[in-house]
N, C-alpha and C. Protein backbone atom coordinates (compact mmCIF):
# COMPACT_ATOMS: atom_id res chain seq x y z
N MET A 1 0.72 -1.29 0.22
CA MET A 1 -0.06 -0.13 -0.06
C MET A 1 0.89 1.26 0.05
N ARG A 2 0.40 2.13 -0.68
CA ARG A 2 1.37 3.62 -0.68
C ARG A 2 1.28 4.11 0.59
N LYS A 3 2.42 4.53 0.59
CA LYS A 3 2.92 5.40 2.00
C LYS A 3 2.62 6.95 1.56
N ILE A 4 1.99 7.68 2.54
CA ILE A 4 1.99 9.24 2.23
C ILE A 4 2.90 9.82 3.05
N THR A 5 3.81 10.81 2.42
CA THR A 5 4.94 11.40 3.20
C THR A 5 4.90 13.00 2.60
N ALA A 6 5.70 13.69 3.32
CA ALA A 6 5.70 15.12 3.04
C ALA A 6 6.06 15.42 1.55
N GLU A 7 6.91 14.86 1.00
CA GLU A 7 7.40 14.64 -0.41
C GLU A 7 6.12 14.23 -1.39
N TRP A 8 5.64 13.16 -1.06
CA TRP A 8 4.34 12.99 -1.83
C TRP A 8 3.09 14.21 -1.88
N ASN A 9 3.20 14.96 -0.90
CA ASN A 9 2.15 15.94 -0.72
C ASN A 9 2.76 17.12 -1.52
N LYS A 10 4.06 17.29 -1.58
CA LYS A 10 4.57 18.29 -2.18
C LYS A 10 4.54 18.00 -3.87
N GLU A 11 4.73 16.80 -4.24
CA GLU A 11 4.54 16.43 -5.57
C GLU A 11 3.10 16.43 -6.24
N HIS A 12 1.99 16.12 -5.08
CA HIS A 12 0.84 16.57 -5.65
C HIS A 12 0.35 17.96 -5.27
N LEU A 13 1.02 18.96 -5.04
CA LEU A 13 0.79 20.33 -4.95
C LEU A 13 0.01 20.61 -3.92
N ALA A 14 0.34 20.26 -2.35
CA ALA A 14 -0.32 20.55 -1.40
C ALA A 14 -0.48 21.87 -1.27
N CYS A 15 -1.05 22.44 -0.54
CA CYS A 15 -1.25 23.95 -0.34
C CYS A 15 -0.53 24.31 1.11
N TYR A 16 -0.16 23.21 1.80
CA TYR A 16 0.48 23.53 3.01
C TYR A 16 2.18 23.71 2.75
N PRO A 17 2.57 24.79 3.70
CA PRO A 17 3.83 25.05 3.51
C PRO A 17 4.77 23.93 3.93
N ASP A 18 5.97 23.92 3.58
CA ASP A 18 6.67 22.75 3.64
C ASP A 18 7.03 22.40 5.28
N GLU A 19 7.19 23.53 5.76
CA GLU A 19 7.18 23.34 7.42
C GLU A 19 6.22 22.48 8.01
N ARG A 20 5.12 22.85 7.30
CA ARG A 20 3.90 22.07 8.12
C ARG A 20 3.68 20.75 7.95
N LEU A 21 4.07 20.64 6.37
CA LEU A 21 4.09 19.32 5.82
C LEU A 21 4.95 18.28 6.64
N ALA A 22 6.36 18.68 6.86
CA ALA A 22 7.11 18.25 7.70
C ALA A 22 6.77 17.77 9.28
N ARG A 23 5.97 18.72 9.80
CA ARG A 23 5.67 18.41 11.20
C ARG A 23 4.54 17.36 10.93
N LEU A 24 3.59 17.19 9.95
CA LEU A 24 2.33 16.42 9.90
C LEU A 24 3.11 14.96 9.44
N TYR A 25 3.90 15.06 8.44
CA TYR A 25 4.50 13.78 8.08
C TYR A 25 5.71 13.57 8.54
N ASP A 26 6.10 13.50 9.83
CA ASP A 26 7.31 13.02 10.59
C ASP A 26 7.82 11.55 10.16
N ARG A 27 6.94 10.93 9.40
CA ARG A 27 7.51 9.74 9.04
C ARG A 27 6.21 9.14 8.10
N PRO A 28 6.39 7.99 7.14
CA PRO A 28 5.62 7.68 6.25
C PRO A 28 4.38 7.27 6.67
N MET A 29 3.38 7.54 6.26
CA MET A 29 1.86 7.07 6.85
C MET A 29 1.17 6.26 5.86
N GLU A 30 0.38 5.20 6.36
CA GLU A 30 -0.85 4.80 5.47
C GLU A 30 -1.83 5.86 5.25
N LEU A 31 -2.75 5.82 4.20
CA LEU A 31 -3.84 6.74 4.07
C LEU A 31 -4.84 6.55 5.22
N ARG A 32 -5.06 5.38 5.57
CA ARG A 32 -6.16 5.62 6.64
C ARG A 32 -5.53 6.33 7.77
N GLU A 33 -4.20 6.26 8.15
CA GLU A 33 -3.83 6.87 9.43
C GLU A 33 -3.71 8.62 9.18
N VAL A 34 -3.53 8.92 7.77
CA VAL A 34 -3.78 10.23 7.36
C VAL A 34 -5.07 10.78 7.83
N LEU A 35 -6.04 9.82 7.11
CA LEU A 35 -7.65 10.28 7.57
C LEU A 35 -7.96 10.30 8.82
N ALA A 36 -7.50 9.32 9.52
CA ALA A 36 -7.89 9.47 11.17
C ALA A 36 -7.23 9.88 12.27
N ARG A 37 -5.98 10.31 12.07
CA ARG A 37 -5.11 10.94 13.03
C ARG A 37 -5.58 12.19 13.31
N LYS A 38 -5.58 12.53 14.89
CA LYS A 38 -6.11 13.60 15.16
C LYS A 38 -5.41 14.45 16.36
N ASP A 39 -4.19 13.54 16.93
CA ASP A 39 -3.35 14.01 17.72
C ASP A 39 -2.10 15.00 17.12
N GLY A 40 -1.58 15.84 18.04
CA GLY A 40 -0.51 16.60 17.83
C GLY A 40 -0.63 17.70 16.46
N PRO A 41 -0.06 17.57 15.70
CA PRO A 41 -0.08 18.70 14.62
C PRO A 41 -1.28 18.25 13.70
N TRP A 42 -1.99 17.31 13.87
CA TRP A 42 -3.10 16.86 13.35
C TRP A 42 -4.35 17.15 13.68
N ASP A 43 -4.08 17.93 15.06
CA ASP A 43 -5.77 18.22 15.59
C ASP A 43 -6.43 19.44 14.79
N ASP A 44 -5.84 20.00 14.12
CA ASP A 44 -6.55 21.00 13.17
C ASP A 44 -6.70 20.98 11.79
N VAL A 45 -6.08 19.61 11.08
CA VAL A 45 -6.34 19.32 9.85
C VAL A 45 -7.86 19.00 9.47
N SER A 46 -8.17 19.76 8.71
CA SER A 46 -9.78 19.80 8.40
C SER A 46 -10.09 18.40 7.48
N ALA A 47 -11.34 17.80 7.63
CA ALA A 47 -11.87 16.80 6.98
C ALA A 47 -11.54 17.07 5.61
N GLU A 48 -12.04 18.19 5.09
CA GLU A 48 -11.65 18.83 3.52
C GLU A 48 -10.20 18.60 2.94
N ASP A 49 -9.27 18.88 4.01
CA ASP A 49 -7.51 18.49 3.95
C ASP A 49 -7.28 17.20 3.76
N ARG A 50 -8.09 16.47 4.68
CA ARG A 50 -8.01 14.89 4.76
C ARG A 50 -8.44 14.35 3.48
N MET A 51 -9.55 14.73 2.96
CA MET A 51 -10.32 14.07 1.86
C MET A 51 -9.50 14.55 0.60
N TRP A 52 -8.57 15.70 0.56
CA TRP A 52 -7.89 15.97 -0.43
C TRP A 52 -6.89 14.95 -0.54
N VAL A 53 -6.18 14.37 0.32
CA VAL A 53 -5.46 13.40 0.29
C VAL A 53 -5.94 12.34 -0.29
N PHE A 54 -7.14 11.91 0.39
CA PHE A 54 -7.85 10.95 -0.04
C PHE A 54 -8.05 10.67 -1.52
N TRP A 55 -8.47 11.67 -2.03
CA TRP A 55 -9.01 11.44 -3.71
C TRP A 55 -7.69 11.41 -4.35
N ARG A 56 -6.30 11.66 -3.90
CA ARG A 56 -5.30 11.62 -4.85
C ARG A 56 -4.63 10.27 -4.47
N ALA A 57 -4.52 9.87 -3.06
CA ALA A 57 -3.96 8.41 -2.74
C ALA A 57 -4.34 7.01 -3.01
N ALA A 58 -6.01 7.19 -3.17
CA ALA A 58 -7.05 6.02 -2.86
C ALA A 58 -6.69 5.29 -3.99
N THR A 59 -7.14 4.28 -4.33
CA THR A 59 -7.28 3.29 -5.71
C THR A 59 -8.55 3.88 -6.42
N GLN A 60 -8.74 3.43 -7.39
CA GLN A 60 -9.50 3.81 -8.51
C GLN A 60 -10.95 3.47 -7.80
N ALA A 61 -11.03 2.16 -7.27
CA ALA A 61 -12.10 1.33 -6.79
C ALA A 61 -12.40 2.11 -5.39
N GLN A 62 -11.33 2.45 -4.54
CA GLN A 62 -11.79 3.12 -3.18
C GLN A 62 -12.31 4.49 -3.77
N ARG A 63 -11.95 5.14 -4.67
CA ARG A 63 -12.50 6.73 -4.63
C ARG A 63 -14.03 6.43 -5.31
N ALA A 64 -14.11 5.31 -6.28
CA ALA A 64 -15.58 5.03 -6.84
C ALA A 64 -16.57 4.58 -5.71
N THR A 65 -16.14 3.94 -4.96
CA THR A 65 -16.93 3.25 -3.69
C THR A 65 -17.30 4.35 -2.87
N THR A 66 -16.40 5.46 -2.38
CA THR A 66 -16.59 6.42 -1.67
C THR A 66 -17.50 7.60 -2.25
N LEU A 67 -17.35 7.81 -3.71
CA LEU A 67 -18.10 8.78 -4.30
C LEU A 67 -19.51 8.28 -4.53
N ASP A 68 -19.57 6.90 -4.80
CA ASP A 68 -20.82 6.46 -4.68
C ASP A 68 -21.85 6.76 -3.51
N ARG A 69 -21.25 6.44 -2.33
CA ARG A 69 -21.84 6.62 -0.93
C ARG A 69 -22.03 8.11 -1.02
N ILE A 70 -21.07 9.08 -1.26
CA ILE A 70 -21.63 10.31 -1.04
C ILE A 70 -22.47 10.84 -1.89
N ILE A 71 -22.75 10.38 -3.23
CA ILE A 71 -23.84 10.60 -3.86
C ILE A 71 -25.21 10.35 -3.40
N THR A 72 -25.16 9.02 -3.02
CA THR A 72 -26.32 8.19 -2.44
C THR A 72 -26.59 9.22 -1.33
N ARG A 73 -26.34 9.53 -0.59
CA ARG A 73 -26.64 10.47 0.47
C ARG A 73 -26.90 11.64 0.25
N ALA A 74 -26.60 12.27 -0.75
CA ALA A 74 -26.84 13.84 -1.18
C ALA A 74 -28.20 13.47 -2.12
N VAL A 75 -28.47 12.32 -2.70
CA VAL A 75 -29.53 12.11 -3.44
C VAL A 75 -30.73 11.85 -2.45
N THR A 76 -30.47 11.01 -1.49
CA THR A 76 -31.38 10.55 -0.52
C THR A 76 -31.68 11.70 0.24
N ASN A 77 -30.91 12.37 0.92
CA ASN A 77 -31.33 13.58 1.88
C ASN A 77 -31.69 14.78 1.19
N HIS A 78 -31.58 15.28 -0.16
CA HIS A 78 -31.69 16.42 -0.77
C HIS A 78 -32.43 16.48 -1.99
N CYS A 79 -32.76 15.21 -2.40
CA CYS A 79 -33.48 15.26 -3.61
C CYS A 79 -34.59 14.26 -3.67
N LEU A 80 -34.82 13.27 -2.92
CA LEU A 80 -35.83 12.37 -2.83
C LEU A 80 -37.15 12.78 -2.35
N ASP A 81 -37.12 13.88 -1.39
CA ASP A 81 -38.24 14.52 -0.84
C ASP A 81 -38.32 15.86 -1.06
N CYS A 82 -37.71 16.37 -2.19
CA CYS A 82 -37.34 17.70 -2.07
C CYS A 82 -38.78 18.56 -2.70
N GLY A 83 -39.75 18.06 -3.05
CA GLY A 83 -40.80 18.66 -3.55
C GLY A 83 -41.20 19.07 -4.94
N ILE A 84 -39.90 18.62 -5.76
CA ILE A 84 -40.05 18.93 -7.25
C ILE A 84 -40.19 17.47 -7.65
N ASP A 85 -41.34 17.00 -8.43
CA ASP A 85 -41.66 15.96 -8.91
C ASP A 85 -40.74 15.53 -9.86
N ALA A 86 -40.24 16.28 -10.67
CA ALA A 86 -39.18 15.64 -11.40
C ALA A 86 -37.92 14.90 -10.97
N VAL A 87 -37.41 16.09 -9.92
CA VAL A 87 -36.28 15.85 -9.11
C VAL A 87 -36.52 14.42 -8.46
N GLU A 88 -37.68 14.33 -7.45
CA GLU A 88 -37.95 13.02 -6.83
C GLU A 88 -38.15 11.88 -7.71
N GLN A 89 -38.52 12.02 -8.78
CA GLN A 89 -38.52 10.82 -9.77
C GLN A 89 -37.15 10.38 -10.23
N TRP A 90 -36.50 11.22 -10.57
CA TRP A 90 -35.08 11.11 -11.04
C TRP A 90 -34.25 10.48 -9.78
N ALA A 91 -34.47 11.02 -8.55
CA ALA A 91 -33.85 10.53 -7.31
C ALA A 91 -34.37 8.96 -7.22
N ALA A 92 -35.41 8.42 -7.43
CA ALA A 92 -35.80 7.25 -7.17
C ALA A 92 -35.07 6.34 -8.25
N ARG A 93 -35.14 6.71 -9.53
CA ARG A 93 -34.27 6.04 -10.50
C ARG A 93 -32.87 5.88 -10.36
N TRP A 94 -32.41 6.85 -9.86
CA TRP A 94 -30.99 7.00 -9.63
C TRP A 94 -30.61 6.06 -8.51
N LEU A 95 -31.23 6.07 -7.35
CA LEU A 95 -31.07 5.15 -6.19
C LEU A 95 -31.58 3.78 -6.53
N SER A 96 -32.36 3.43 -7.55
CA SER A 96 -32.69 1.98 -7.66
C SER A 96 -31.56 1.66 -8.89
N GLY A 97 -30.91 2.36 -9.34
CA GLY A 97 -29.90 1.84 -10.31
C GLY A 97 -30.47 1.95 -11.73
N GLU A 98 -31.96 2.31 -11.89
CA GLU A 98 -32.65 2.09 -13.26
C GLU A 98 -31.99 3.09 -14.13
N ASP A 99 -31.55 4.45 -13.55
CA ASP A 99 -31.01 5.41 -14.51
C ASP A 99 -30.28 6.22 -13.94
N ARG A 100 -28.66 6.07 -14.15
CA ARG A 100 -28.17 6.97 -13.48
C ARG A 100 -26.98 7.79 -14.45
N SER A 101 -27.98 8.13 -15.74
CA SER A 101 -27.15 8.46 -16.68
C SER A 101 -27.00 10.30 -16.29
N GLY A 102 -25.99 10.73 -17.01
CA GLY A 102 -25.80 12.41 -16.98
C GLY A 102 -26.93 13.00 -17.36
N LYS A 103 -27.61 12.55 -18.48
CA LYS A 103 -28.53 13.18 -19.26
C LYS A 103 -29.72 13.21 -18.25
N ALA A 104 -30.07 12.14 -17.49
CA ALA A 104 -31.22 12.19 -16.24
C ALA A 104 -31.01 13.27 -15.14
N ALA A 105 -29.66 13.28 -14.73
CA ALA A 105 -29.43 14.03 -13.84
C ALA A 105 -29.52 15.73 -14.16
N MET A 106 -28.89 15.72 -15.35
CA MET A 106 -29.05 17.36 -15.81
C MET A 106 -30.68 17.77 -16.24
N ALA A 107 -31.37 16.94 -16.57
CA ALA A 107 -33.02 17.17 -16.37
C ALA A 107 -33.37 17.55 -15.28
N ALA A 108 -33.08 16.74 -14.22
CA ALA A 108 -33.29 17.05 -12.78
C ALA A 108 -32.77 18.29 -12.39
N VAL A 109 -31.56 18.64 -12.45
CA VAL A 109 -31.07 20.17 -12.41
C VAL A 109 -31.83 20.95 -13.15
N TRP A 110 -32.14 20.87 -14.12
CA TRP A 110 -32.79 21.64 -15.08
C TRP A 110 -34.32 22.12 -14.32
N ALA A 111 -35.10 20.80 -13.86
CA ALA A 111 -36.46 21.08 -13.25
C ALA A 111 -36.18 21.61 -11.91
N ALA A 112 -35.14 21.57 -11.14
CA ALA A 112 -34.88 22.06 -10.06
C ALA A 112 -34.76 23.48 -10.15
N ARG A 113 -33.89 23.98 -11.23
CA ARG A 113 -33.27 25.39 -11.46
C ARG A 113 -34.77 26.09 -11.80
N ALA A 114 -35.69 25.57 -12.47
CA ALA A 114 -36.83 26.46 -12.93
C ALA A 114 -37.76 26.60 -11.83
N VAL A 115 -37.75 25.41 -10.76
CA VAL A 115 -38.69 25.62 -9.48
C VAL A 115 -38.00 26.90 -8.85
N ARG A 116 -36.69 26.82 -8.43
CA ARG A 116 -36.00 27.90 -7.67
C ARG A 116 -36.28 29.21 -8.48
N ALA A 117 -36.04 29.35 -9.81
CA ALA A 117 -36.34 30.61 -10.40
C ALA A 117 -38.03 30.91 -9.93
N ALA A 118 -38.49 30.33 -10.12
CA ALA A 118 -39.95 30.75 -10.01
C ALA A 118 -40.26 31.11 -8.42
N LYS A 119 -39.60 30.61 -7.44
CA LYS A 119 -39.82 30.83 -6.12
C LYS A 119 -39.01 32.12 -5.95
N ALA A 120 -37.91 32.19 -6.51
CA ALA A 120 -37.05 33.63 -6.31
C ALA A 120 -37.54 34.80 -6.67
N ALA A 121 -38.51 34.45 -7.96
CA ALA A 121 -39.39 35.64 -8.48
C ALA A 121 -40.44 36.02 -7.79
N ALA A 122 -41.23 34.89 -7.18
CA ALA A 122 -42.21 35.41 -5.93
C ALA A 122 -41.74 35.76 -4.90
N ARG A 123 -40.39 35.46 -4.47
CA ARG A 123 -40.00 36.21 -3.15
C ARG A 123 -39.67 37.54 -3.79
N ALA A 124 -38.93 37.79 -4.79
CA ALA A 124 -38.73 38.89 -5.29
C ALA A 124 -40.07 40.10 -5.35
N ALA A 125 -41.20 39.52 -5.69
CA ALA A 125 -42.26 40.30 -5.91
C ALA A 125 -42.70 40.73 -4.50
N GLU A 126 -42.80 39.74 -3.44
CA GLU A 126 -43.21 40.03 -2.01
C GLU A 126 -42.35 41.07 -1.51
N TRP A 127 -40.93 40.78 -1.84
CA TRP A 127 -40.11 41.82 -1.11
C TRP A 127 -40.56 43.19 -1.79
N ALA A 128 -40.71 43.41 -3.09
CA ALA A 128 -41.10 44.35 -3.58
C ALA A 128 -42.34 45.32 -3.16
N VAL A 129 -43.23 44.67 -2.62
CA VAL A 129 -44.35 45.01 -2.03
C VAL A 129 -43.97 45.88 -0.73
N GLU A 130 -42.92 45.43 0.22
CA GLU A 130 -42.30 46.16 1.48
C GLU A 130 -40.93 46.49 0.66
N ALA A 131 -40.73 47.82 0.08
CA ALA A 131 -39.58 48.01 -0.47
C ALA A 131 -38.71 48.55 0.73
N GLU A 132 -39.14 49.36 1.53
CA GLU A 132 -38.23 49.78 2.66
C GLU A 132 -37.68 48.83 3.59
N ARG A 133 -38.13 47.56 3.49
CA ARG A 133 -37.44 46.66 4.29
C ARG A 133 -36.58 45.42 3.62
N ALA A 134 -37.09 45.64 2.41
CA ALA A 134 -36.46 44.46 1.44
C ALA A 134 -34.85 44.48 1.44
N THR A 135 -34.24 45.47 1.77
CA THR A 135 -32.58 45.50 1.73
C THR A 135 -32.25 44.84 2.98
N GLU A 136 -32.96 45.19 3.95
CA GLU A 136 -32.65 44.41 5.45
C GLU A 136 -32.91 43.09 5.41
N ARG A 137 -34.07 42.56 4.73
CA ARG A 137 -34.19 41.22 4.87
C ARG A 137 -33.49 40.35 3.92
N ALA A 138 -32.99 40.81 2.86
CA ALA A 138 -32.08 40.29 1.93
C ALA A 138 -30.61 40.01 2.86
N GLU A 139 -30.27 40.97 3.51
CA GLU A 139 -29.03 40.88 4.27
C GLU A 139 -29.07 39.77 5.36
N TRP A 140 -30.32 39.73 6.10
CA TRP A 140 -30.39 38.64 6.85
C TRP A 140 -30.72 37.50 6.54
N ALA A 141 -31.29 37.44 5.42
CA ALA A 141 -31.45 36.12 4.47
C ALA A 141 -30.08 35.41 4.08
N GLU A 142 -29.31 36.30 3.53
CA GLU A 142 -27.98 35.94 3.14
C GLU A 142 -27.36 35.46 4.39
N CYS A 143 -27.38 36.08 5.23
CA CYS A 143 -26.40 35.86 6.41
C CYS A 143 -26.93 34.23 6.84
N ALA A 144 -28.24 34.34 7.06
CA ALA A 144 -28.83 32.95 7.50
C ALA A 144 -28.44 31.64 6.60
N GLU A 145 -28.55 31.97 5.33
CA GLU A 145 -28.38 31.02 4.20
C GLU A 145 -26.66 30.55 4.40
N TRP A 146 -26.06 31.48 4.40
CA TRP A 146 -24.50 31.29 4.45
C TRP A 146 -24.08 30.53 5.68
N ALA A 147 -24.91 30.89 6.96
CA ALA A 147 -24.51 30.20 8.00
C ALA A 147 -25.18 28.49 8.25
N GLU A 148 -26.06 28.51 7.47
CA GLU A 148 -26.71 27.07 7.02
C GLU A 148 -26.13 26.28 6.09
N TRP A 149 -25.59 27.06 5.16
CA TRP A 149 -24.56 26.35 4.28
C TRP A 149 -23.25 25.87 4.58
N ALA A 150 -22.54 26.84 5.74
CA ALA A 150 -21.31 26.48 6.13
C ALA A 150 -21.63 25.19 7.15
N GLU A 151 -22.58 25.38 7.98
CA GLU A 151 -22.74 24.25 8.93
C GLU A 151 -22.75 22.95 8.21
N TRP A 152 -23.54 22.87 7.22
CA TRP A 152 -24.14 21.65 6.38
C TRP A 152 -22.80 21.19 5.78
N SER A 153 -21.98 22.30 5.07
CA SER A 153 -20.94 21.93 4.31
C SER A 153 -19.94 21.15 5.24
N GLU A 154 -19.43 21.60 6.61
CA GLU A 154 -18.43 21.03 7.52
C GLU A 154 -19.28 19.67 7.73
N ALA A 155 -20.48 19.55 8.31
CA ALA A 155 -21.06 18.12 8.67
C ALA A 155 -20.85 17.26 7.47
N GLU A 156 -21.18 17.51 6.21
CA GLU A 156 -20.87 16.92 4.84
C GLU A 156 -19.63 16.28 4.75
N ARG A 157 -18.63 17.26 5.15
CA ARG A 157 -17.13 16.83 4.86
C ARG A 157 -16.77 15.79 5.89
N ASP A 158 -17.34 15.99 7.02
CA ASP A 158 -16.84 15.07 8.35
C ASP A 158 -17.64 13.28 7.78
N LEU A 159 -18.84 13.75 7.04
CA LEU A 159 -19.30 12.20 6.61
C LEU A 159 -18.56 11.62 5.53
N GLN A 160 -17.93 12.35 4.72
CA GLN A 160 -17.52 11.95 3.53
C GLN A 160 -16.04 11.56 3.98
N LEU A 161 -15.62 12.10 5.13
CA LEU A 161 -14.42 11.45 5.90
C LEU A 161 -14.53 10.07 6.30
N LEU A 162 -15.74 9.98 7.22
CA LEU A 162 -16.12 8.46 7.69
C LEU A 162 -16.43 7.71 6.54
N ASP A 163 -17.08 8.09 5.38
CA ASP A 163 -17.32 7.08 4.01
C ASP A 163 -15.63 6.65 3.89
N ALA A 164 -14.96 7.33 3.48
CA ALA A 164 -13.66 6.96 3.05
C ALA A 164 -12.97 6.15 3.96
N LEU A 165 -12.92 6.44 5.48
CA LEU A 165 -12.15 5.55 6.39
C LEU A 165 -13.12 4.09 6.29
N ASP A 166 -14.50 4.35 6.16
CA ASP A 166 -15.00 2.60 6.18
C ASP A 166 -14.68 2.18 4.58
N VAL A 167 -14.44 2.74 3.66
CA VAL A 167 -14.26 2.13 2.27
C VAL A 167 -13.03 1.54 2.66
N LEU A 168 -11.68 2.33 3.29
CA LEU A 168 -10.33 1.94 3.39
C LEU A 168 -10.45 0.70 4.25
N ASP A 169 -11.35 0.23 5.35
CA ASP A 169 -11.34 -0.48 6.20
C ASP A 169 -12.07 -1.65 5.49
N ASN A 170 -12.68 -1.64 4.32
CA ASN A 170 -13.58 -2.66 3.62
C ASN A 170 -12.95 -3.07 2.44
N THR A 171 -11.45 -2.74 2.04
CA THR A 171 -10.72 -3.10 0.88
C THR A 171 -9.50 -3.50 1.22
N GLN A 172 -9.03 -4.10 -0.05
CA GLN A 172 -7.71 -4.70 0.43
C GLN A 172 -6.84 -4.33 -1.20
N GLU A 173 -6.00 -3.52 -1.06
CA GLU A 173 -5.29 -2.92 -2.33
C GLU A 173 -5.96 -2.63 -3.36
N GLY A 174 -7.62 -2.20 -3.12
CA GLY A 174 -8.22 -1.59 -4.17
C GLY A 174 -9.41 -2.33 -4.51
N GLU A 175 -9.34 -3.38 -3.94
CA GLU A 175 -10.61 -4.12 -4.39
C GLU A 175 -11.56 -4.17 -2.92
N THR A 176 -12.95 -4.05 -3.35
CA THR A 176 -14.01 -4.03 -2.36
C THR A 176 -14.18 -5.48 -1.92
N LYS A 177 -14.21 -5.46 -0.53
CA LYS A 177 -14.46 -6.68 0.20
C LYS A 177 -16.08 -7.23 -0.17
């Protein structure tokens, strides 16, 4: 199995400075250790940065299995019961394996965009009625949406890290058990 080192990270254009890489990779490490280690200099390495290593160091089979889990979770959590018929129907077909084509996914994207555009237009019309408060509402809504997205994004990265660890625990040299 491939050993991850500071030099390996430099070869793959890691964004950390050389000094930080030297502290993190004081010895060659297995990929699983890079993903799971939380002690010493590793205590503030984000799940996003750990996944950066995973996507570059894992085998094709490990990446494919992890990606399938991440997409399945996203489709289940965000599409299956989203209230947009075309998207929900696509999600059911994708989850069943009936249609995982890019064409079907893109049709679902366009359906969702159309609904979002209609909702945005309705919101804009509502805000126009109360023009003096529209700016204040937009600023608060933007702050709330950003905070919600940031919280979701961090939680999702943590779940992706757990997916990758599970895949590594259940594979041998790139083959799924």
